[in-house]
Every structure is written in structure tokens, then in C-alpha cells.
Amino acid sequence: MLKLVASLDCQRCGSGSQVQAAHSNMSKHGKGKSIKASDEYTAALCQTCHYEIDQGSKLSRVERQEAWTRAHIKTVKSLLESGQWPTGIPVPELELRG
């Protein structure tokens, strides 16, 4: 799953360079102290976007969550539409607040 996500272009800026599977930092996706969210809650992000969403100071917490959510939705849709979503991994519900 993580390799499939990282094989996509960045779903935030479109870069095809140094793309990573960026896990959600939201507790509703299973994130906890020293625990990463489940792999179905990953977004394809380049290193720059991944840093900005995880630790950057340019965006508020809500803006970072919304940016990750938009990238996650695009990641899931891209893998589903290309028939690459792995069997046995649940497809998360996709919804963007607001």
C-alpha cells in the first residue's frame, strides 16, 4: 500500500519528485502517541508538502488537516480509478468538511 501511494505524483502540488506516503495525524484515523494511523489513511505527498502539512508554520492546524484530507481523497480516488487499490485493505469513507 505504501509503495503504491508513493508511486503517485504529489496529490497537493503535482510534483513527481520524492513522493511519500504521508499518514494522517488525526486521532479519528487511529493516530496516537507513537502510533501511526492505519495505512489506508495515507496521502501521496512530496517531501515539501509532507513537511508543510506535518510541521510547517505557514498553515493553521485546521488548514493542515484540510490540505491532508484533500490530498488523501485524491490519492484514494487515483488508486481506485486505476484499479490499484489493494484487495484486503478497506476503502476509507471520503468526505471533506465545509
N, C-alpha and C. Protein backbone atom coordinates (compact mmCIF):
# COMPACT_ATOMS: atom_id res chain seq x y z
N MET A 1 0.82 -1.19 0.00
CA MET A 1 0.00 0.00 0.00
C MET A 1 0.87 1.26 0.00
N LEU A 2 1.86 1.29 0.88
CA LEU A 2 2.70 2.48 0.98
C LEU A 2 3.49 2.71 -0.30
N LYS A 3 3.97 1.64 -0.92
CA LYS A 3 4.70 1.77 -2.20
C LYS A 3 3.78 2.27 -3.30
N LEU A 4 2.54 1.80 -3.33
CA LEU A 4 1.57 2.27 -4.33
C LEU A 4 1.32 3.77 -4.17
N VAL A 5 1.10 4.20 -2.95
CA VAL A 5 0.84 5.62 -2.68
C VAL A 5 2.05 6.45 -3.09
N ALA A 6 3.23 6.01 -2.72
CA ALA A 6 4.45 6.76 -3.03
C ALA A 6 4.77 6.76 -4.52
N SER A 7 4.15 5.87 -5.29
CA SER A 7 4.40 5.84 -6.74
C SER A 7 3.62 6.91 -7.49
N LEU A 8 2.65 7.53 -6.82
CA LEU A 8 1.84 8.58 -7.44
C LEU A 8 2.57 9.92 -7.39
N ASP A 9 2.11 10.88 -8.19
CA ASP A 9 2.59 12.25 -8.05
C ASP A 9 1.99 12.83 -6.78
N CYS A 10 2.61 13.90 -6.28
CA CYS A 10 2.09 14.58 -5.10
C CYS A 10 0.66 15.02 -5.39
N GLN A 11 -0.24 14.68 -4.52
CA GLN A 11 -1.66 14.98 -4.71
C GLN A 11 -2.03 16.36 -4.19
N ARG A 12 -1.01 17.13 -3.79
CA ARG A 12 -1.24 18.51 -3.38
C ARG A 12 -0.67 19.48 -4.41
N CYS A 13 0.59 19.28 -4.82
CA CYS A 13 1.23 20.24 -5.73
C CYS A 13 1.51 19.68 -7.11
N GLY A 14 1.40 18.35 -7.28
CA GLY A 14 1.60 17.73 -8.58
C GLY A 14 3.02 17.27 -8.85
N SER A 15 3.95 17.54 -7.95
CA SER A 15 5.35 17.13 -8.14
C SER A 15 5.45 15.61 -8.23
N GLY A 16 6.33 15.15 -9.09
CA GLY A 16 6.57 13.71 -9.18
C GLY A 16 7.86 13.32 -8.47
N SER A 17 8.44 14.25 -7.75
CA SER A 17 9.75 14.05 -7.12
C SER A 17 9.62 13.82 -5.62
N GLN A 18 10.30 12.80 -5.14
CA GLN A 18 10.39 12.49 -3.70
C GLN A 18 9.02 12.41 -3.03
N VAL A 19 8.12 11.64 -3.65
CA VAL A 19 6.77 11.47 -3.10
C VAL A 19 6.79 10.38 -2.03
N GLN A 20 6.06 10.64 -0.96
CA GLN A 20 5.99 9.74 0.19
C GLN A 20 4.54 9.44 0.53
N ALA A 21 4.34 8.33 1.22
CA ALA A 21 3.03 8.01 1.77
C ALA A 21 2.93 8.71 3.12
N ALA A 22 2.16 9.78 3.18
CA ALA A 22 2.04 10.59 4.40
C ALA A 22 0.80 10.15 5.18
N HIS A 23 1.04 9.59 6.36
CA HIS A 23 -0.07 9.14 7.21
C HIS A 23 -0.82 10.32 7.82
N SER A 24 -2.09 10.11 8.08
CA SER A 24 -2.92 11.09 8.77
C SER A 24 -2.37 11.33 10.17
N ASN A 25 -2.49 12.57 10.64
CA ASN A 25 -2.12 12.91 12.01
C ASN A 25 -3.36 13.09 12.88
N MET A 26 -4.50 12.60 12.42
CA MET A 26 -5.75 12.79 13.14
C MET A 26 -6.12 11.53 13.94
N SER A 27 -6.53 11.73 15.17
CA SER A 27 -6.87 10.61 16.04
C SER A 27 -8.02 9.78 15.48
N LYS A 28 -8.93 10.41 14.74
CA LYS A 28 -10.06 9.65 14.19
C LYS A 28 -9.61 8.59 13.19
N HIS A 29 -8.35 8.69 12.73
CA HIS A 29 -7.80 7.69 11.80
C HIS A 29 -6.85 6.73 12.51
N GLY A 30 -6.86 6.75 13.83
CA GLY A 30 -6.06 5.82 14.60
C GLY A 30 -4.73 6.36 15.07
N LYS A 31 -4.43 7.62 14.78
CA LYS A 31 -3.18 8.24 15.22
C LYS A 31 -3.21 8.42 16.73
N GLY A 32 -2.11 8.05 17.37
CA GLY A 32 -1.98 8.22 18.82
C GLY A 32 -0.52 8.44 19.15
N LYS A 33 -0.20 8.59 20.39
CA LYS A 33 1.19 8.77 20.79
C LYS A 33 2.03 7.60 20.29
N SER A 34 3.01 7.89 19.49
CA SER A 34 3.93 6.89 18.92
C SER A 34 3.23 5.85 18.04
N ILE A 35 1.99 6.11 17.64
CA ILE A 35 1.25 5.18 16.78
C ILE A 35 0.83 5.93 15.53
N LYS A 36 1.21 5.38 14.37
CA LYS A 36 0.79 5.97 13.10
C LYS A 36 -0.64 5.54 12.79
N ALA A 37 -1.32 6.35 12.01
CA ALA A 37 -2.65 5.97 11.53
C ALA A 37 -2.50 4.75 10.62
N SER A 38 -3.58 4.05 10.43
CA SER A 38 -3.60 2.89 9.55
C SER A 38 -3.21 3.28 8.13
N ASP A 39 -2.62 2.35 7.38
CA ASP A 39 -2.10 2.65 6.04
C ASP A 39 -3.16 3.12 5.04
N GLU A 40 -4.43 2.78 5.26
CA GLU A 40 -5.45 3.28 4.32
C GLU A 40 -5.66 4.79 4.47
N TYR A 41 -5.12 5.35 5.53
CA TYR A 41 -5.20 6.80 5.75
C TYR A 41 -3.86 7.45 5.44
N THR A 42 -3.44 7.29 4.17
CA THR A 42 -2.22 7.93 3.69
C THR A 42 -2.55 8.78 2.47
N ALA A 43 -1.73 9.78 2.25
CA ALA A 43 -1.86 10.65 1.08
C ALA A 43 -0.51 10.70 0.39
N ALA A 44 -0.51 10.76 -0.93
CA ALA A 44 0.72 10.89 -1.70
C ALA A 44 1.15 12.35 -1.66
N LEU A 45 2.24 12.62 -0.94
CA LEU A 45 2.75 13.99 -0.80
C LEU A 45 4.25 14.01 -1.04
N CYS A 46 4.74 15.04 -1.74
CA CYS A 46 6.18 15.22 -1.89
C CYS A 46 6.74 15.62 -0.53
N GLN A 47 8.07 15.57 -0.40
CA GLN A 47 8.68 15.90 0.89
C GLN A 47 8.31 17.30 1.37
N THR A 48 8.27 18.26 0.46
CA THR A 48 7.95 19.64 0.84
C THR A 48 6.54 19.75 1.39
N CYS A 49 5.56 19.20 0.66
CA CYS A 49 4.16 19.27 1.12
C CYS A 49 3.97 18.46 2.40
N HIS A 50 4.64 17.31 2.50
CA HIS A 50 4.55 16.47 3.70
C HIS A 50 5.03 17.27 4.90
N TYR A 51 6.16 17.95 4.77
CA TYR A 51 6.69 18.76 5.87
C TYR A 51 5.73 19.90 6.22
N GLU A 52 5.23 20.61 5.20
CA GLU A 52 4.32 21.74 5.46
C GLU A 52 3.07 21.30 6.20
N ILE A 53 2.55 20.12 5.85
CA ILE A 53 1.33 19.63 6.49
C ILE A 53 1.62 19.08 7.89
N ASP A 54 2.75 18.41 8.06
CA ASP A 54 3.06 17.82 9.37
C ASP A 54 3.62 18.83 10.37
N GLN A 55 4.54 19.69 9.91
CA GLN A 55 5.26 20.52 10.86
C GLN A 55 5.39 21.98 10.46
N GLY A 56 4.89 22.35 9.31
CA GLY A 56 5.06 23.71 8.83
C GLY A 56 4.32 24.74 9.68
N SER A 57 4.76 25.99 9.56
CA SER A 57 4.14 27.06 10.34
C SER A 57 3.33 28.01 9.46
N LYS A 58 3.27 27.74 8.15
CA LYS A 58 2.55 28.62 7.23
C LYS A 58 1.03 28.40 7.28
N LEU A 59 0.63 27.21 7.70
CA LEU A 59 -0.79 26.86 7.73
C LEU A 59 -1.25 26.64 9.17
N SER A 60 -2.51 26.97 9.43
CA SER A 60 -3.08 26.66 10.75
C SER A 60 -3.31 25.16 10.85
N ARG A 61 -3.59 24.68 12.05
CA ARG A 61 -3.87 23.26 12.26
C ARG A 61 -5.03 22.80 11.38
N VAL A 62 -6.08 23.59 11.32
CA VAL A 62 -7.25 23.24 10.50
C VAL A 62 -6.87 23.23 9.02
N GLU A 63 -6.10 24.20 8.57
CA GLU A 63 -5.68 24.24 7.17
C GLU A 63 -4.80 23.03 6.83
N ARG A 64 -3.93 22.62 7.76
CA ARG A 64 -3.09 21.44 7.52
C ARG A 64 -3.96 20.19 7.41
N GLN A 65 -4.96 20.06 8.30
CA GLN A 65 -5.85 18.90 8.24
C GLN A 65 -6.64 18.88 6.93
N GLU A 66 -7.12 20.05 6.52
CA GLU A 66 -7.89 20.13 5.27
C GLU A 66 -7.01 19.82 4.06
N ALA A 67 -5.77 20.30 4.06
CA ALA A 67 -4.85 20.03 2.95
C ALA A 67 -4.56 18.54 2.87
N TRP A 68 -4.31 17.89 4.02
CA TRP A 68 -4.06 16.45 4.03
C TRP A 68 -5.31 15.71 3.53
N THR A 69 -6.47 16.11 4.00
CA THR A 69 -7.72 15.43 3.62
C THR A 69 -7.95 15.52 2.11
N ARG A 70 -7.75 16.70 1.53
CA ARG A 70 -7.92 16.84 0.07
C ARG A 70 -6.94 15.93 -0.68
N ALA A 71 -5.68 15.89 -0.23
CA ALA A 71 -4.67 15.03 -0.87
C ALA A 71 -5.02 13.56 -0.68
N HIS A 72 -5.54 13.21 0.48
CA HIS A 72 -5.94 11.82 0.76
C HIS A 72 -7.08 11.40 -0.18
N ILE A 73 -8.07 12.25 -0.33
CA ILE A 73 -9.19 11.93 -1.21
C ILE A 73 -8.69 11.71 -2.64
N LYS A 74 -7.83 12.59 -3.12
CA LYS A 74 -7.27 12.44 -4.47
C LYS A 74 -6.44 11.16 -4.59
N THR A 75 -5.70 10.82 -3.54
CA THR A 75 -4.90 9.59 -3.54
C THR A 75 -5.78 8.36 -3.66
N VAL A 76 -6.79 8.29 -2.81
CA VAL A 76 -7.69 7.13 -2.83
C VAL A 76 -8.39 7.02 -4.18
N LYS A 77 -8.92 8.12 -4.68
CA LYS A 77 -9.62 8.10 -5.97
C LYS A 77 -8.68 7.67 -7.10
N SER A 78 -7.45 8.14 -7.08
CA SER A 78 -6.49 7.77 -8.10
C SER A 78 -6.20 6.28 -8.10
N LEU A 79 -6.01 5.72 -6.91
CA LEU A 79 -5.74 4.28 -6.82
C LEU A 79 -6.97 3.46 -7.20
N LEU A 80 -8.16 3.91 -6.81
CA LEU A 80 -9.38 3.18 -7.17
C LEU A 80 -9.63 3.23 -8.68
N GLU A 81 -9.52 4.43 -9.25
CA GLU A 81 -9.80 4.59 -10.68
C GLU A 81 -8.81 3.82 -11.56
N SER A 82 -7.58 3.65 -11.09
CA SER A 82 -6.59 2.92 -11.87
C SER A 82 -6.61 1.42 -11.55
N GLY A 83 -7.51 1.00 -10.66
CA GLY A 83 -7.62 -0.41 -10.30
C GLY A 83 -6.47 -0.91 -9.43
N GLN A 84 -5.77 -0.01 -8.77
CA GLN A 84 -4.61 -0.39 -7.98
C GLN A 84 -4.89 -0.52 -6.48
N TRP A 85 -6.09 -0.17 -6.03
CA TRP A 85 -6.36 -0.26 -4.59
C TRP A 85 -6.21 -1.72 -4.17
N PRO A 86 -5.37 -2.01 -3.17
CA PRO A 86 -5.10 -3.40 -2.79
C PRO A 86 -6.32 -4.10 -2.19
N THR A 87 -6.52 -5.34 -2.61
CA THR A 87 -7.58 -6.15 -2.01
C THR A 87 -7.21 -6.43 -0.57
N GLY A 88 -8.19 -6.46 0.28
CA GLY A 88 -7.94 -6.74 1.69
C GLY A 88 -7.71 -5.49 2.52
N ILE A 89 -7.53 -4.34 1.88
CA ILE A 89 -7.40 -3.09 2.63
C ILE A 89 -8.71 -2.32 2.45
N PRO A 90 -9.39 -2.00 3.55
CA PRO A 90 -10.68 -1.32 3.43
C PRO A 90 -10.54 0.04 2.78
N VAL A 91 -11.50 0.38 1.93
CA VAL A 91 -11.53 1.71 1.32
C VAL A 91 -12.17 2.66 2.31
N PRO A 92 -11.44 3.71 2.71
CA PRO A 92 -12.00 4.63 3.70
C PRO A 92 -13.12 5.48 3.13
N GLU A 93 -14.02 5.91 4.00
CA GLU A 93 -15.06 6.85 3.55
C GLU A 93 -14.38 8.17 3.23
N LEU A 94 -14.79 8.78 2.14
CA LEU A 94 -14.17 10.03 1.70
C LEU A 94 -15.14 11.18 1.89
N GLU A 95 -14.77 12.09 2.76
CA GLU A 95 -15.61 13.27 2.94
C GLU A 95 -14.74 14.44 3.35
N LEU A 96 -15.05 15.58 2.79
CA LEU A 96 -14.35 16.81 3.12
C LEU A 96 -15.33 17.75 3.76
N ARG A 97 -15.02 18.16 4.98
CA ARG A 97 -15.91 19.08 5.70
C ARG A 97 -15.90 20.43 5.01
N GLY A 98 -17.01 21.17 5.22
CA GLY A 98 -17.07 22.54 4.75
C GLY A 98 -17.49 22.62 3.40
